[in-house]
């Protein structure tokens, strides 16, 4: 088992019902970064199934304020504070994101959480605004944020430099923008959305929703000289065949390793 892992808590897009919304934990040693939290309190179930204790998570990154990414974050904040109140959570909890995401998260928390919970905001639960190209650290992992240049909703991806020097890049859940080549080129691990198969584009209409397909993800990974390609944020109509079909389509243009994880899959970053 590697010291560095991606733990996929969810792999689906916003309206899936057969899997959970895309979110994951990036783990290095004992340090963990939770990237998004899905669309509800299902995140608590996914963490339990993954054998991850919430008390061990002290950092969360929010890519953007869409419901399938931020509503689960409200539950994470609530349950972290509940543990703080019960003296079963040590230290502080930090949430990183751009201004729009944090403003939405703060507004929901202050509108829905009990006043005794709100008292922890800014004292032991901190919302840290990051701007394009800002860097923060989670243990020995260096995380650099970047604006994905979305035309739909302000969204940040990130590049993580792991303690062993490997580079992991999360492109967010929209198509790659060439303006971010500086962050994404030569990534050892490239995490890229693939809303559906190109072969099924007339069924799922990815381009109308500003998403891409497994075919385009393979083209992008090849263009960026990625070492490994991980596909996520997909439809859920044929989960048993998803891994084989998405891999086959992406491999038409990308000859590196391709991962199409199911919910709760653990990928060693080695």
Protein backbone atom coordinates (compact mmCIF):
# COMPACT_ATOMS: atom_id res chain seq x y z
CA UNK A 1 0.00 0.00 0.00
CA UNK A 2 1.30 3.44 -0.99
CA UNK A 3 1.61 6.34 1.45
CA UNK A 4 -0.30 8.40 -1.13
CA UNK A 5 -3.86 7.51 -2.13
CA UNK A 6 -6.96 8.83 -3.83
CA UNK A 7 -10.09 7.59 -2.06
CA UNK A 8 -13.07 8.11 -4.34
CA UNK A 9 -16.07 8.78 -2.12
CA UNK A 10 -18.29 9.44 -5.15
CA UNK A 11 -17.91 9.33 -8.92
CA UNK A 12 -21.18 10.60 -10.42
CA UNK A 13 -22.47 13.88 -11.82
CA UNK A 14 -25.14 16.06 -10.22
CA UNK A 15 -28.26 13.99 -10.88
CA UNK A 16 -27.02 10.43 -10.40
CA UNK A 17 -29.04 8.01 -8.27
CA UNK A 18 -26.98 4.81 -8.54
CA UNK A 19 -23.76 6.29 -7.15
CA UNK A 20 -22.76 9.33 -5.10
CA UNK A 21 -21.79 12.75 -6.46
CA UNK A 22 -18.11 13.20 -7.26
CA UNK A 23 -15.90 13.90 -4.26
CA UNK A 24 -12.73 12.33 -2.95
CA UNK A 25 -10.03 12.31 -0.31
CA UNK A 26 -6.41 12.90 -1.25
CA UNK A 27 -4.35 11.13 1.41
CA UNK A 28 -0.63 11.30 2.11
CA UNK A 29 0.48 9.48 5.22
CA UNK A 30 -1.84 10.68 7.97
CA UNK A 31 -2.75 13.90 6.16
CA UNK A 32 -6.02 14.11 4.24
CA UNK A 33 -7.63 16.71 1.99
CA UNK A 34 -11.35 16.27 1.34
CA UNK A 35 -12.14 17.64 -2.12
CA UNK A 36 -15.83 18.61 -2.25
CA UNK A 37 -18.44 16.65 -0.34
CA UNK A 38 -21.28 15.82 -2.70
CA UNK A 39 -24.85 16.95 -2.49
CA UNK A 40 -26.04 15.98 0.98
CA UNK A 41 -25.54 13.97 4.14
CA UNK A 42 -24.71 10.93 2.02
CA UNK A 43 -21.13 12.12 2.51
CA UNK A 44 -21.32 10.84 6.07
CA UNK A 45 -22.26 7.38 4.86
CA UNK A 46 -19.51 7.39 2.24
CA UNK A 47 -16.88 8.35 4.81
CA UNK A 48 -18.08 5.59 7.12
CA UNK A 49 -17.97 3.01 4.32
CA UNK A 50 -14.46 4.18 3.46
CA UNK A 51 -13.43 3.75 7.12
CA UNK A 52 -12.44 7.40 7.37
CA UNK A 53 -13.03 9.03 10.75
CA UNK A 54 -14.18 12.62 10.42
CA UNK A 55 -11.91 13.47 13.33
CA UNK A 56 -8.94 12.74 11.05
CA UNK A 57 -9.96 15.28 8.40
CA UNK A 58 -8.82 18.83 9.08
CA UNK A 59 -8.81 20.30 5.57
CA UNK A 60 -11.44 20.56 2.83
CA UNK A 61 -11.30 22.16 -0.62
CA UNK A 62 -14.47 23.35 -2.37
CA UNK A 63 -14.21 23.61 -6.16
CA UNK A 64 -17.45 25.52 -6.72
CA UNK A 65 -20.90 26.28 -5.33
CA UNK A 66 -23.08 23.87 -7.32
CA UNK A 67 -25.39 21.83 -5.10
CA UNK A 68 -23.73 18.48 -5.86
CA UNK A 69 -20.43 19.82 -4.52
CA UNK A 70 -21.28 22.16 -1.66
CA UNK A 71 -24.34 20.85 0.17
CA UNK A 72 -22.41 17.92 1.57
CA UNK A 73 -19.86 20.46 2.83
CA UNK A 74 -22.56 21.92 5.08
CA UNK A 75 -22.96 18.50 6.68
CA UNK A 76 -19.20 18.15 7.11
CA UNK A 77 -19.04 21.53 8.88
CA UNK A 78 -22.03 20.62 11.04
CA UNK A 79 -20.66 17.24 12.10
CA UNK A 80 -17.15 18.59 12.72
CA UNK A 81 -18.61 21.24 15.03
CA UNK A 82 -20.76 18.63 16.74
CA UNK A 83 -17.62 16.62 17.48
CA UNK A 84 -15.88 19.76 18.72
CA UNK A 85 -18.78 20.39 21.08
CA UNK A 86 -18.53 16.79 22.30
CA UNK A 87 -14.74 17.03 22.70
CA UNK A 88 -14.13 14.28 20.13
CA UNK A 89 -12.35 16.49 17.56
CA UNK A 90 -8.89 17.92 18.20
CA UNK A 91 -7.63 21.12 16.67
CA UNK A 92 -9.21 23.23 13.96
CA UNK A 93 -10.96 22.61 10.65
CA UNK A 94 -10.06 24.60 7.52
CA UNK A 95 -12.14 25.02 4.38
CA UNK A 96 -10.42 26.42 1.26
CA UNK A 97 -12.21 27.85 -1.74
CA UNK A 98 -12.76 30.95 -3.82
CA UNK A 99 -14.96 33.80 -2.59
CA UNK A 100 -18.20 32.62 -4.24
CA UNK A 101 -18.00 29.10 -2.81
CA UNK A 102 -17.15 30.26 0.69
CA UNK A 103 -19.84 32.95 0.70
CA UNK A 104 -22.45 30.34 -0.25
CA UNK A 105 -21.19 27.86 2.33
CA UNK A 106 -21.05 30.51 5.07
CA UNK A 107 -24.56 31.74 4.21
CA UNK A 108 -26.08 28.25 4.36
CA UNK A 109 -24.30 27.44 7.61
CA UNK A 110 -25.42 30.66 9.28
CA UNK A 111 -28.97 30.20 7.99
CA UNK A 112 -29.40 26.59 9.03
CA UNK A 113 -27.08 25.74 11.93
CA UNK A 114 -27.99 26.35 15.55
CA UNK A 115 -26.51 29.52 17.03
CA UNK A 116 -24.33 27.41 19.34
CA UNK A 117 -22.79 25.80 16.24
CA UNK A 118 -22.32 29.13 14.51
CA UNK A 119 -20.17 30.26 17.43
CA UNK A 120 -17.43 27.92 16.17
CA UNK A 121 -17.21 29.64 12.79
CA UNK A 122 -14.12 31.79 12.77
CA UNK A 123 -12.89 30.29 16.04
CA UNK A 124 -12.17 26.64 15.32
CA UNK A 125 -13.76 26.33 11.86
CA UNK A 126 -12.08 28.63 9.36
CA UNK A 127 -13.09 29.51 5.80
CA UNK A 128 -9.94 30.48 3.90
CA UNK A 129 -10.47 32.36 0.64
CA UNK A 130 -7.98 31.44 -2.07
CA UNK A 131 -7.37 33.25 -5.33
CA UNK A 132 -6.04 32.04 -8.66
CA UNK A 133 -2.51 30.57 -8.21
CA UNK A 134 -2.64 30.71 -4.39
CA UNK A 135 -0.87 27.94 -2.48
CA UNK A 136 -1.72 26.29 0.82
CA UNK A 137 -0.36 23.22 2.56
CA UNK A 138 -2.00 20.12 3.98
CA UNK A 139 0.72 18.43 5.97
CA UNK A 140 3.56 17.88 3.51
CA UNK A 141 1.28 18.26 0.46
CA UNK A 142 1.52 21.57 -1.40
CA UNK A 143 -1.81 22.55 -2.98
CA UNK A 144 -1.94 25.24 -5.66
CA UNK A 145 -5.36 26.47 -6.79
CA UNK A 146 -6.25 27.63 -10.28
CA UNK A 147 -9.28 29.15 -11.95
CA UNK A 148 -10.57 26.69 -14.56
CA UNK A 149 -12.02 29.64 -16.56
CA UNK A 150 -15.57 28.35 -16.49
CA UNK A 151 -18.22 30.22 -18.46
CA UNK A 152 -20.92 28.66 -16.29
CA UNK A 153 -19.93 28.93 -12.63
CA UNK A 154 -16.77 30.22 -10.98
CA UNK A 155 -14.71 27.13 -10.28
CA UNK A 156 -11.21 26.29 -9.10
CA UNK A 157 -9.20 23.15 -9.69
CA UNK A 158 -5.91 22.39 -7.98
CA UNK A 159 -2.46 20.92 -8.40
CA UNK A 160 -1.05 18.90 -5.51
CA UNK A 161 2.67 18.28 -5.12
CA UNK A 162 3.04 15.19 -2.96
CA UNK A 163 5.94 14.60 -0.54
CA UNK A 164 7.64 12.22 -2.99
CA UNK A 165 7.50 14.87 -5.74
CA UNK A 166 4.59 13.41 -7.71
CA UNK A 167 2.15 15.91 -9.20
CA UNK A 168 -1.60 15.34 -9.12
CA UNK A 169 -3.93 17.72 -10.97
CA UNK A 170 -7.70 17.96 -10.49
CA UNK A 171 -9.22 19.82 -13.44
CA UNK A 172 -12.65 20.35 -11.86
CA UNK A 173 -15.84 19.15 -13.54
CA UNK A 174 -15.72 21.07 -16.81
CA UNK A 175 -13.57 20.73 -19.94
CA UNK A 176 -9.88 21.58 -19.73
CA UNK A 177 -8.94 25.16 -20.63
CA UNK A 178 -5.60 25.68 -22.37
CA UNK A 179 -4.97 28.67 -20.09
CA UNK A 180 -4.18 26.15 -17.34
CA UNK A 181 -1.46 24.24 -19.18
CA UNK A 182 1.10 25.59 -16.71
CA UNK A 183 -0.60 23.65 -13.91
CA UNK A 184 -1.70 20.55 -15.78
CA UNK A 185 1.14 19.68 -18.15
CA UNK A 186 3.25 16.63 -17.27
CA UNK A 187 1.03 15.66 -14.35
CA UNK A 188 1.78 12.24 -12.94
CA UNK A 189 -1.94 11.94 -12.19
CA UNK A 190 -4.59 13.85 -14.15
CA UNK A 191 -8.13 13.84 -12.77
CA UNK A 192 -10.56 14.76 -15.54
CA UNK A 193 -14.34 14.79 -15.86
CA UNK A 194 -16.02 12.56 -18.45
CA UNK A 195 -19.74 13.18 -18.36
CA UNK A 196 -20.44 10.27 -20.72
CA UNK A 197 -19.04 8.32 -23.63
CA UNK A 198 -18.58 10.15 -26.91
CA UNK A 199 -20.59 7.30 -28.41
CA UNK A 200 -23.49 8.33 -26.14
CA UNK A 201 -23.23 12.08 -26.68
CA UNK A 202 -26.63 12.31 -28.37
CA UNK A 203 -28.24 10.67 -25.34
CA UNK A 204 -26.60 12.66 -22.53
CA UNK A 205 -25.88 15.98 -24.34
CA UNK A 206 -22.59 16.75 -22.54
CA UNK A 207 -21.69 19.78 -24.65
CA UNK A 208 -24.98 21.51 -23.86
CA UNK A 209 -24.04 21.20 -20.18
CA UNK A 210 -20.43 22.34 -20.74
CA UNK A 211 -18.99 18.91 -20.07
CA UNK A 212 -16.88 16.51 -22.08
CA UNK A 213 -16.61 12.80 -22.84
CA UNK A 214 -14.17 9.98 -22.21
CA UNK A 215 -12.85 10.42 -25.74
CA UNK A 216 -11.92 14.07 -25.13
CA UNK A 217 -10.42 13.21 -21.75
CA UNK A 218 -8.05 10.81 -23.50
CA UNK A 219 -7.10 13.49 -26.03
CA UNK A 220 -6.42 15.99 -23.23
CA UNK A 221 -4.31 13.52 -21.24
CA UNK A 222 -2.22 12.75 -24.31
CA UNK A 223 -1.79 16.45 -25.14
CA UNK A 224 -0.70 17.24 -21.59
CA UNK A 225 1.69 14.28 -21.40
CA UNK A 226 -0.02 12.87 -18.30
CA UNK A 227 1.28 9.72 -16.66
CA UNK A 228 -2.06 8.42 -15.39
CA UNK A 229 -5.62 9.49 -16.22
CA UNK A 230 -8.50 9.21 -13.76
CA UNK A 231 -12.05 9.79 -15.03
CA UNK A 232 -14.93 10.92 -12.81
CA UNK A 233 -18.18 12.95 -12.73
CA UNK A 234 -19.95 10.52 -15.06
CA UNK A 235 -23.50 9.39 -15.79
CA UNK A 236 -24.68 6.27 -13.97
CA UNK A 237 -26.93 4.39 -16.40
CA UNK A 238 -24.66 1.35 -16.86
CA UNK A 239 -22.27 1.18 -13.93
CA UNK A 240 -21.24 -2.48 -14.44
CA UNK A 241 -19.86 -1.62 -17.89
CA UNK A 242 -18.65 1.90 -17.12
CA UNK A 243 -15.07 0.94 -16.31
CA UNK A 244 -14.48 -1.10 -19.45
CA UNK A 245 -16.30 1.20 -21.87
CA UNK A 246 -14.82 4.47 -20.63
CA UNK A 247 -11.35 2.95 -20.54
CA UNK A 248 -11.70 1.67 -24.10
CA UNK A 249 -12.85 5.05 -25.39
CA UNK A 250 -10.20 7.11 -23.59
CA UNK A 251 -7.46 4.68 -24.67
CA UNK A 252 -8.09 5.48 -28.33
CA UNK A 253 -5.90 8.56 -27.82
CA UNK A 254 -4.13 8.08 -24.47
CA UNK A 255 -1.72 5.18 -23.98
CA UNK A 256 -0.97 5.68 -20.30
CA UNK A 257 -2.79 4.08 -17.38
CA UNK A 258 -6.51 4.85 -17.24
CA UNK A 259 -8.60 4.58 -14.07
CA UNK A 260 -12.39 4.67 -14.06
CA UNK A 261 -13.15 4.19 -10.38
CA UNK A 262 -16.34 3.11 -8.69
CA UNK A 263 -17.50 4.76 -5.49
CA UNK A 264 -15.18 3.88 -2.58
CA UNK A 265 -12.34 2.66 -4.80
CA UNK A 266 -8.88 3.39 -3.39
CA UNK A 267 -6.15 4.21 -5.91
CA UNK A 268 -2.54 4.04 -4.80
CA UNK A 269 -0.49 6.94 -6.13
CA UNK A 270 2.84 5.25 -6.74
